[in-house]
Protein backbone atom coordinates (compact mmCIF):
# COMPACT_ATOMS: atom_id res chain seq x y z
CA MET A 1 0.00 0.00 0.00
CA GLN A 2 1.56 3.25 -1.19
CA PRO A 3 1.43 6.41 0.99
CA THR A 4 -0.66 9.37 -0.14
CA HIS A 5 2.42 11.44 -1.00
CA GLY A 6 6.11 10.89 -1.74
CA PRO A 7 8.48 9.40 -1.13
CA TYR A 8 6.78 6.22 -2.35
CA LEU A 9 7.88 2.64 -1.79
CA PRO A 10 9.76 0.98 -4.69
CA THR A 11 7.74 -1.46 -6.78
CA THR A 12 10.67 -3.65 -7.86
CA ALA A 13 12.93 -5.88 -5.79
CA GLY A 14 16.25 -4.26 -4.95
CA LEU A 15 19.56 -6.02 -4.45
CA GLY A 16 19.67 -7.23 -0.83
CA GLY A 17 16.08 -6.29 -0.12
CA SER A 18 15.09 -4.62 3.12
CA PRO A 19 17.51 -5.31 6.01
CA THR A 20 16.41 -7.30 9.05
CA LYS A 21 17.71 -7.14 12.60
CA THR A 22 18.29 -10.87 12.98
CA LEU A 23 20.27 -11.41 9.77
CA ASP A 24 21.53 -8.09 8.40
CA ASP A 25 22.55 -6.37 11.62
CA PRO A 26 25.29 -8.89 12.61
CA ILE A 27 26.70 -9.09 9.07
CA THR A 28 26.57 -5.34 8.53
CA SER A 29 28.22 -4.75 11.91
CA ILE A 30 31.13 -7.01 10.94
CA PHE A 31 31.67 -5.11 7.70
CA LEU A 32 31.33 -1.84 9.59
CA VAL A 33 34.22 -2.83 11.86
CA LEU A 34 36.30 -3.99 8.88
CA PHE A 35 35.80 -0.71 7.04
CA VAL A 36 36.67 1.24 10.19
CA ILE A 37 39.93 -0.74 10.37
CA GLY A 38 40.52 -0.02 6.69
CA ALA A 39 39.90 3.70 7.17
CA VAL A 40 42.27 3.88 10.15
CA THR A 41 44.95 1.92 8.29
CA HIS A 42 44.92 4.02 5.13
CA MET A 43 44.75 7.28 7.08
CA PHE A 44 47.72 6.12 9.19
CA ILE A 45 49.67 5.33 6.00
CA LEU A 46 48.71 8.71 4.54
CA GLN A 47 49.84 10.62 7.64
CA ILE A 48 53.16 8.75 7.87
CA ASN A 49 53.85 9.42 4.19
CA MET A 50 52.96 13.10 4.52
CA ARG A 51 55.44 13.49 7.36
CA ARG A 52 58.10 11.90 5.17
CA LYS A 53 57.07 14.13 2.24
CA HIS A 54 56.00 10.98 0.36
CA LYS A 55 52.99 12.24 -1.59
CA PHE A 56 50.42 9.55 -2.44
CA ILE A 57 46.86 10.86 -2.68
CA MET A 58 45.39 7.42 -3.41
CA SER A 59 45.71 6.59 0.29
CA GLY A 60 43.39 9.54 0.92
CA LEU A 61 40.96 8.24 -1.70
CA LEU A 62 40.95 4.79 -0.12
CA PHE A 63 40.31 6.40 3.26
CA GLY A 64 37.41 8.33 1.72
CA PHE A 65 35.98 5.13 0.28
CA CYS A 66 36.13 3.40 3.67
CA MET A 67 34.37 6.37 5.25
CA ALA A 68 31.64 6.17 2.60
CA ARG A 69 31.18 2.49 3.37
CA ILE A 70 31.03 3.25 7.10
CA VAL A 71 28.13 5.60 6.37
CA THR A 72 26.53 2.94 4.15
CA CYS A 73 26.68 0.29 6.87
CA THR A 74 25.39 2.76 9.44
CA MET A 75 22.44 3.69 7.23
CA ARG A 76 21.56 0.02 6.74
CA LEU A 77 21.62 -0.52 10.50
CA VAL A 78 19.29 2.46 10.93
CA TRP A 79 17.10 1.21 8.10
CA SER A 80 16.68 -2.19 9.80
CA THR A 81 15.08 -0.47 12.80
CA HIS A 82 12.97 1.92 10.68
CA LEU A 83 11.73 -0.25 7.81
CA THR A 84 8.89 2.13 6.95
CA ASN A 85 11.18 5.16 6.66
CA VAL A 86 11.63 5.52 2.91
CA SER A 87 14.08 8.42 3.27
CA VAL A 88 16.55 6.21 5.13
CA ALA A 89 16.13 3.53 2.45
CA ILE A 90 16.90 6.09 -0.25
CA ALA A 91 20.06 7.25 1.52
CA ALA A 92 21.26 3.68 2.05
CA SER A 93 20.75 2.72 -1.59
CA ILE A 94 22.53 5.86 -2.83
CA PHE A 95 25.61 5.23 -0.70
CA VAL A 96 25.76 1.61 -1.86
CA ALA A 97 25.91 2.73 -5.50
CA ALA A 98 28.09 5.81 -5.04
CA GLY A 99 31.00 4.69 -2.87
CA VAL A 100 32.57 2.08 -5.11
CA ILE A 101 33.42 4.50 -7.92
CA ILE A 102 36.35 5.70 -5.79
CA LEU A 103 37.99 2.29 -6.25
CA PHE A 104 37.38 2.50 -10.00
CA ILE A 105 39.15 5.87 -10.14
CA VAL A 106 42.09 4.58 -8.07
CA ASN A 107 42.56 1.65 -10.45
CA LEU A 108 42.38 3.93 -13.48
CA ILE A 109 45.09 6.15 -11.97
CA PHE A 110 47.29 3.09 -11.42
CA THR A 111 46.59 1.98 -15.00
CA GLN A 112 47.62 5.36 -16.36
CA ARG A 113 50.93 5.09 -14.50
CA ILE A 114 51.54 1.60 -15.89
CA ILE A 115 50.96 2.82 -19.45
CA ARG A 116 53.20 5.86 -18.96
CA ALA A 117 55.93 3.54 -17.70
CA THR A 118 55.67 1.01 -20.53
CA HIS A 119 54.82 3.39 -23.39
CA PRO A 120 55.89 6.91 -22.36
CA HIS A 121 55.60 8.19 -25.95
CA LEU A 122 51.85 7.45 -25.73
CA GLY A 123 51.04 7.77 -22.04
CA TRP A 124 52.40 11.31 -21.72
CA THR A 125 50.62 12.76 -24.76
CA LYS A 126 48.03 15.45 -24.07
CA THR A 127 45.35 13.45 -25.89
CA PHE A 128 45.85 10.40 -23.70
CA SER A 129 46.00 12.45 -20.50
CA TRP A 130 42.86 14.41 -21.36
CA ALA A 131 41.05 11.18 -22.27
CA PHE A 132 41.51 9.97 -18.70
CA ARG A 133 40.41 13.33 -17.29
CA LEU A 134 37.32 13.25 -19.49
CA TRP A 135 36.55 9.73 -18.27
CA TYR A 136 36.83 10.85 -14.64
CA GLY A 137 34.50 13.73 -15.42
CA CYS A 138 31.96 11.36 -16.98
CA ILE A 139 32.09 9.13 -13.89
CA ILE A 140 31.35 12.07 -11.60
CA GLY A 141 28.68 13.47 -13.93
CA LEU A 142 26.88 10.14 -14.25
CA LEU A 143 27.09 9.65 -10.50
CA ALA A 144 25.31 12.98 -9.98
CA ALA A 145 22.67 12.03 -12.57
CA LEU A 146 22.27 8.59 -10.99
CA ILE A 147 21.73 10.04 -7.52
CA THR A 148 19.27 12.63 -8.82
CA CYS A 149 17.19 10.11 -10.78
CA THR A 150 17.23 7.63 -7.90
CA VAL A 151 15.86 10.22 -5.48
CA LEU A 152 13.27 11.59 -7.92
CA SER A 153 12.02 8.09 -8.79
CA TYR A 154 10.78 7.76 -5.19
CA TYR A 155 8.63 10.89 -5.55
CA THR A 156 6.51 9.94 -8.55
CA LEU A 157 4.15 7.14 -9.54
CA ASP A 158 4.07 8.11 -13.22
CA THR A 159 5.16 5.06 -15.22
CA ASP A 160 6.68 7.02 -18.12
CA ILE A 161 8.74 9.26 -15.84
CA ARG A 162 9.96 6.30 -13.83
CA ARG A 163 10.98 4.54 -17.04
CA LYS A 164 13.09 7.56 -18.05
CA TYR A 165 14.73 7.66 -14.64
CA ARG A 166 15.44 3.95 -14.93
CA ASP A 167 17.10 4.45 -18.33
CA VAL A 168 19.50 6.93 -16.76
CA GLN A 169 20.20 4.47 -13.96
CA LEU A 170 20.95 1.72 -16.48
CA VAL A 171 23.34 3.97 -18.40
CA GLY A 172 25.12 4.90 -15.18
CA SER A 173 25.47 1.34 -13.89
CA THR A 174 26.72 0.15 -17.30
CA PHE A 175 29.28 2.94 -17.50
CA PHE A 176 30.52 2.10 -14.00
CA ALA A 177 30.91 -1.56 -15.02
CA VAL A 178 32.94 -0.48 -18.06
CA SER A 179 35.07 1.76 -15.81
CA ALA A 180 35.83 -1.20 -13.55
CA PHE A 181 36.74 -3.35 -16.57
CA LEU A 182 38.75 -0.73 -18.49
CA PRO A 183 42.12 -1.29 -16.72
CA ILE A 184 42.22 -4.93 -17.88
CA PRO A 185 42.43 -4.36 -21.68
CA LEU A 186 44.63 -1.29 -21.20
CA ILE A 187 47.17 -3.19 -19.10
CA LEU A 188 47.18 -6.24 -21.37
CA GLY A 189 47.59 -3.95 -24.37
CA SER A 190 50.55 -2.20 -22.75
CA ILE A 191 52.23 -5.60 -22.35
CA ILE A 192 51.48 -6.96 -25.83
CA ILE A 193 52.23 -3.85 -27.91
CA PRO A 194 55.96 -3.64 -28.79
CA LYS A 195 57.82 -1.11 -26.69
CA LYS A 196 59.89 1.69 -28.22
CA THR A 197 61.79 2.44 -25.01
CA ARG A 198 62.86 0.74 -21.82
CA ILE A 199 60.19 0.48 -19.13
CA GLU A 200 60.42 3.40 -16.73
CA LYS A 201 60.14 1.48 -13.48
CA PHE A 202 58.68 3.39 -10.57
CA GLY A 203 57.97 2.70 -6.94
CA SER A 204 59.26 -0.39 -5.15
CA GLY A 205 58.90 -4.08 -5.91
CA ARG A 206 58.83 -5.95 -9.20
CA PHE A 207 57.02 -4.35 -12.11
CA ARG A 208 55.21 -7.59 -12.93
CA THR A 209 53.81 -7.69 -9.38
CA LYS A 210 52.22 -4.27 -9.93
CA ILE A 211 50.50 -5.65 -13.01
CA TYR A 212 49.27 -8.79 -11.22
CA ILE A 213 47.86 -6.72 -8.34
CA LEU A 214 46.05 -4.32 -10.65
CA LEU A 215 44.63 -7.10 -12.83
CA PHE A 216 43.34 -9.04 -9.82
CA SER A 217 41.61 -6.05 -8.24
CA SER A 218 40.15 -5.00 -11.60
CA VAL A 219 38.76 -8.48 -12.24
CA ILE A 220 36.91 -8.75 -8.92
CA LEU A 221 35.67 -5.15 -9.07
CA THR A 222 34.39 -5.82 -12.59
CA LEU A 223 32.62 -8.92 -11.30
CA GLY A 224 30.77 -6.86 -8.70
CA ALA A 225 29.95 -3.96 -11.03
CA ALA A 226 28.79 -6.26 -13.84
CA PHE A 227 26.56 -8.21 -11.44
CA ARG A 228 24.91 -5.03 -10.14
CA SER A 229 24.41 -3.73 -13.66
CA GLY A 230 23.03 -7.06 -14.88
CA THR A 231 20.45 -7.29 -12.11
CA ALA A 232 19.26 -3.76 -12.93
CA TYR A 233 18.38 -4.88 -16.48
CA VAL A 234 16.02 -7.62 -15.26
CA PRO A 235 13.76 -6.05 -12.60
CA LYS A 236 11.34 -8.24 -10.70
CA PRO A 237 8.41 -7.31 -8.44
CA ARG A 238 9.00 -7.04 -4.71
CA SER A 239 6.43 -9.76 -4.09
CA ASP A 240 8.50 -12.32 -6.02
CA PRO A 241 12.22 -11.48 -5.67
CA PRO A 242 14.62 -13.71 -7.68
CA TRP A 243 17.74 -15.37 -6.26
CA TYR A 244 20.13 -12.78 -7.69
CA VAL A 245 18.77 -10.04 -5.42
CA SER A 246 19.23 -12.15 -2.28
CA LYS A 247 21.15 -10.91 0.75
CA ALA A 248 23.98 -13.35 0.06
CA CYS A 249 24.53 -11.84 -3.40
CA PHE A 250 24.31 -8.32 -1.97
CA TYR A 251 27.05 -8.83 0.61
CA LEU A 252 29.21 -10.96 -1.69
CA PHE A 253 29.23 -8.70 -4.75
CA ASN A 254 29.38 -5.47 -2.75
CA PHE A 255 31.05 -5.39 0.64
CA THR A 256 33.10 -8.62 0.38
CA ILE A 257 34.78 -7.66 -2.89
CA GLU A 258 35.40 -4.13 -1.71
CA ILE A 259 36.97 -5.07 1.63
CA ILE A 260 39.27 -7.51 -0.20
CA VAL A 261 40.56 -4.67 -2.38
CA VAL A 262 40.91 -2.30 0.58
CA ALA A 263 42.81 -4.89 2.64
CA LEU A 264 44.97 -5.93 -0.33
CA TYR A 265 46.04 -2.36 -1.10
CA ALA A 266 46.98 -1.82 2.54
CA ALA A 267 48.82 -5.14 2.92
CA ILE A 268 50.95 -4.90 -0.22
CA ARG A 269 51.57 -1.16 0.34
CA VAL A 270 50.40 0.38 -2.91
CA ASP A 271 51.68 3.68 -1.52
CA LYS A 272 55.20 2.35 -2.14
CA ARG A 273 54.64 0.16 -5.19
CA PHE A 274 52.72 2.74 -7.25
CA HIS A 275 54.45 5.88 -6.03
CA VAL A 276 55.97 8.18 -8.65
CA PRO A 277 58.23 11.22 -8.17
CA ASP A 278 56.48 14.52 -7.54
CA LYS A 279 56.00 16.88 -10.48
CA SER A 280 56.26 14.08 -13.03
CA HIS A 281 54.95 15.43 -16.32
CA GLY A 282 56.97 13.84 -19.11
CA PRO A 283 58.95 10.83 -20.34
CA GLY A 284 61.83 10.00 -18.03
CA ASP A 285 60.31 11.59 -14.92
CA TYR A 286 59.20 8.28 -13.39
CA SER A 287 62.75 6.91 -13.39
CA ARG A 288 64.63 10.05 -12.45
CA THR A 289 66.85 9.78 -9.38
CA SER A 290 67.87 13.38 -8.72
CA PRO A 291 67.45 16.79 -10.33
CA ALA A 292 71.10 16.78 -11.43
CA GLY A 293 70.79 13.49 -13.27
CA GLN A 294 67.29 13.99 -14.61
CA GLU A 295 68.29 14.90 -18.16
CA GLN A 296 70.77 12.04 -18.36
CA ASP A 297 68.12 9.61 -17.12
CA LYS A 298 65.70 10.82 -19.79
CA GLU A 299 68.22 10.09 -22.54
CA GLN A 300 68.82 6.61 -21.18
CA THR A 301 65.13 5.86 -20.76
CA LEU A 302 64.22 7.00 -24.26
CA GLU A 303 66.92 4.84 -25.87
CA LYS A 304 65.55 2.88 -28.84
CA ARG A 305 65.00 -0.84 -28.37
CA PRO A 306 64.22 -3.61 -30.86
CA SER A 307 60.64 -4.72 -31.45
CA LEU A 308 59.17 -7.90 -30.01
CA ALA A 309 59.59 -9.65 -33.35
CA ASP A 310 63.38 -9.38 -33.11
CA ARG A 311 63.85 -11.38 -29.92
CA VAL A 312 62.65 -14.34 -27.89
CA LEU A 313 60.18 -13.27 -25.23
CA SER A 314 61.06 -14.46 -21.76
CA GLU A 315 59.15 -13.25 -18.70
CA GLU A 316 61.94 -10.83 -17.84
CA GLN A 317 61.96 -9.41 -21.38
CA VAL A 318 58.19 -8.90 -21.46
CA PHE A 319 58.10 -7.05 -18.15
CA ASP A 320 61.64 -5.63 -18.43
CA ASP A 321 61.91 -6.83 -14.86
CA ASP A 322 65.16 -8.69 -14.19
CA GLU A 323 65.65 -6.98 -10.82
CA GLU A 324 63.49 -5.42 -8.13
CA THR A 325 63.34 -1.65 -8.13
CA GLN A 326 63.32 0.60 -5.11
CA VAL A 327 62.14 4.18 -4.82
CA GLY A 328 65.01 6.42 -5.86
CA SER A 329 67.23 3.58 -7.09
CA PRO A 330 69.79 4.68 -9.72
CA ILE A 331 69.35 3.65 -13.32
CA GLU A 332 72.14 1.45 -14.63
CA LYS A 333 73.92 2.83 -17.67
CA ARG A 334 73.44 0.62 -20.73
CA ILE A 335 74.96 0.63 -24.21
CA PRO A 336 73.72 -1.21 -27.31
CA ASP A 337 75.07 -4.69 -28.08
CA VAL A 338 76.02 -4.85 -31.76
CA GLU A 339 75.34 -8.58 -32.18
CA SER A 340 72.05 -8.96 -30.33
CA GLY A 341 70.74 -5.42 -30.76
CA LEU A 342 69.89 -5.29 -27.05
CA ALA A 343 71.12 -2.81 -24.50
CA ARG A 344 73.83 -4.24 -22.20
CA PRO A 345 75.11 -2.81 -18.90
CA VAL A 346 78.39 -0.88 -19.07
CA SER A 347 79.89 -3.11 -16.36
CA GLU A 348 79.11 -6.20 -18.41
CA VAL A 349 80.74 -4.74 -21.52
CA SER A 350 83.81 -3.70 -19.52
CA GLN A 351 84.30 -7.27 -18.31
CA THR A 352 84.06 -8.56 -21.87
CA VAL A 353 86.62 -6.04 -23.13
CA SER A 354 89.05 -6.82 -20.31
CA SER A 355 88.78 -10.57 -20.92
CA ILE A 356 89.65 -10.02 -24.59
CA ALA A 357 92.50 -7.66 -23.79
CA LYS A 358 94.27 -10.02 -21.34
CA PRO A 359 95.25 -12.73 -23.91
CA GLU A 360 96.57 -10.02 -26.25
CA GLU A 361 98.77 -8.59 -23.49
CA THR A 362 100.13 -12.07 -22.71
CA HIS A 363 100.87 -12.68 -26.40
CA ASN A 364 102.72 -9.37 -26.72
CA ALA A 365 104.82 -10.19 -23.67
CA GLU A 366 105.89 -13.51 -25.20
CA ASP A 367 106.93 -11.74 -28.42
CA VAL A 368 109.19 -9.41 -26.44
CA HIS A 369 110.97 -12.33 -24.82
């Protein structure tokens, strides 16, 4: 039975349904504690890094996401005690849909850094940089439209108007699913496409590990976003909710996936692995070690390399990752090898030259005698 005025009750079954005290309150409370721990952890990391002048704004974004999820869990707990309060239900549903886009943006920022490291001639172009900014703007714009249409849909019973609001919601949820998936093809493409320069390694740890971490988080975030978008395309009446809007699916494809990403990024210290030098705005900046050697590092980084067709692809060659890199580690000087066409370290070439020179010196000494 609908009230005489808005906000009106929804006519379709929503993901997770209405929360109950016996089932939802204990589960929601557990996730609330986990997100509080996540918020404290990422804020602690952010504060420590700020004191060390180690700028990494993604820790702040992850803290903001955890705070949004704390509000979401709190609103669901309030909703379970006020089931007839439609305003609380609206707020809870909005926070569920809105918070996760922060993780999408964080992954896209990491993806942009990977591409700039593997293909600096492409990643640092104005077109590529503005494409990412435009995508971020579309995410924020669609989020605003999604929130507006969600709220307005509760204040009308007109079928045509509700259908238009639902179309906007479908566009928004689909775009968010694409945003979650986008890092996967971009990262794989950066690996497959032949490189014109050496990889500009940044942060600490192996470069391949950065790729594995980003791919894993993107896959599970895509799974959650695609599931939410898919359920929105097949609405069912509240009187007969299907299995895919059950509470188990709600907590699995929302909070469980998100807390895994939050915990993973804190445990593997993305603030160190994905950190880049401040004021990086061109090829060579990711691998620079000091202002004095910046120009020399750029020349070394932009050195031409053979295409993938000219060599056998081992794991180290694909990722250009024969050694671990640390923040601020110096770049080893390399010179081209005439026979293989690959760049070889200066120390390695010096050893080869000295080994060739020693027999000649011995031979000359025998001639003197």
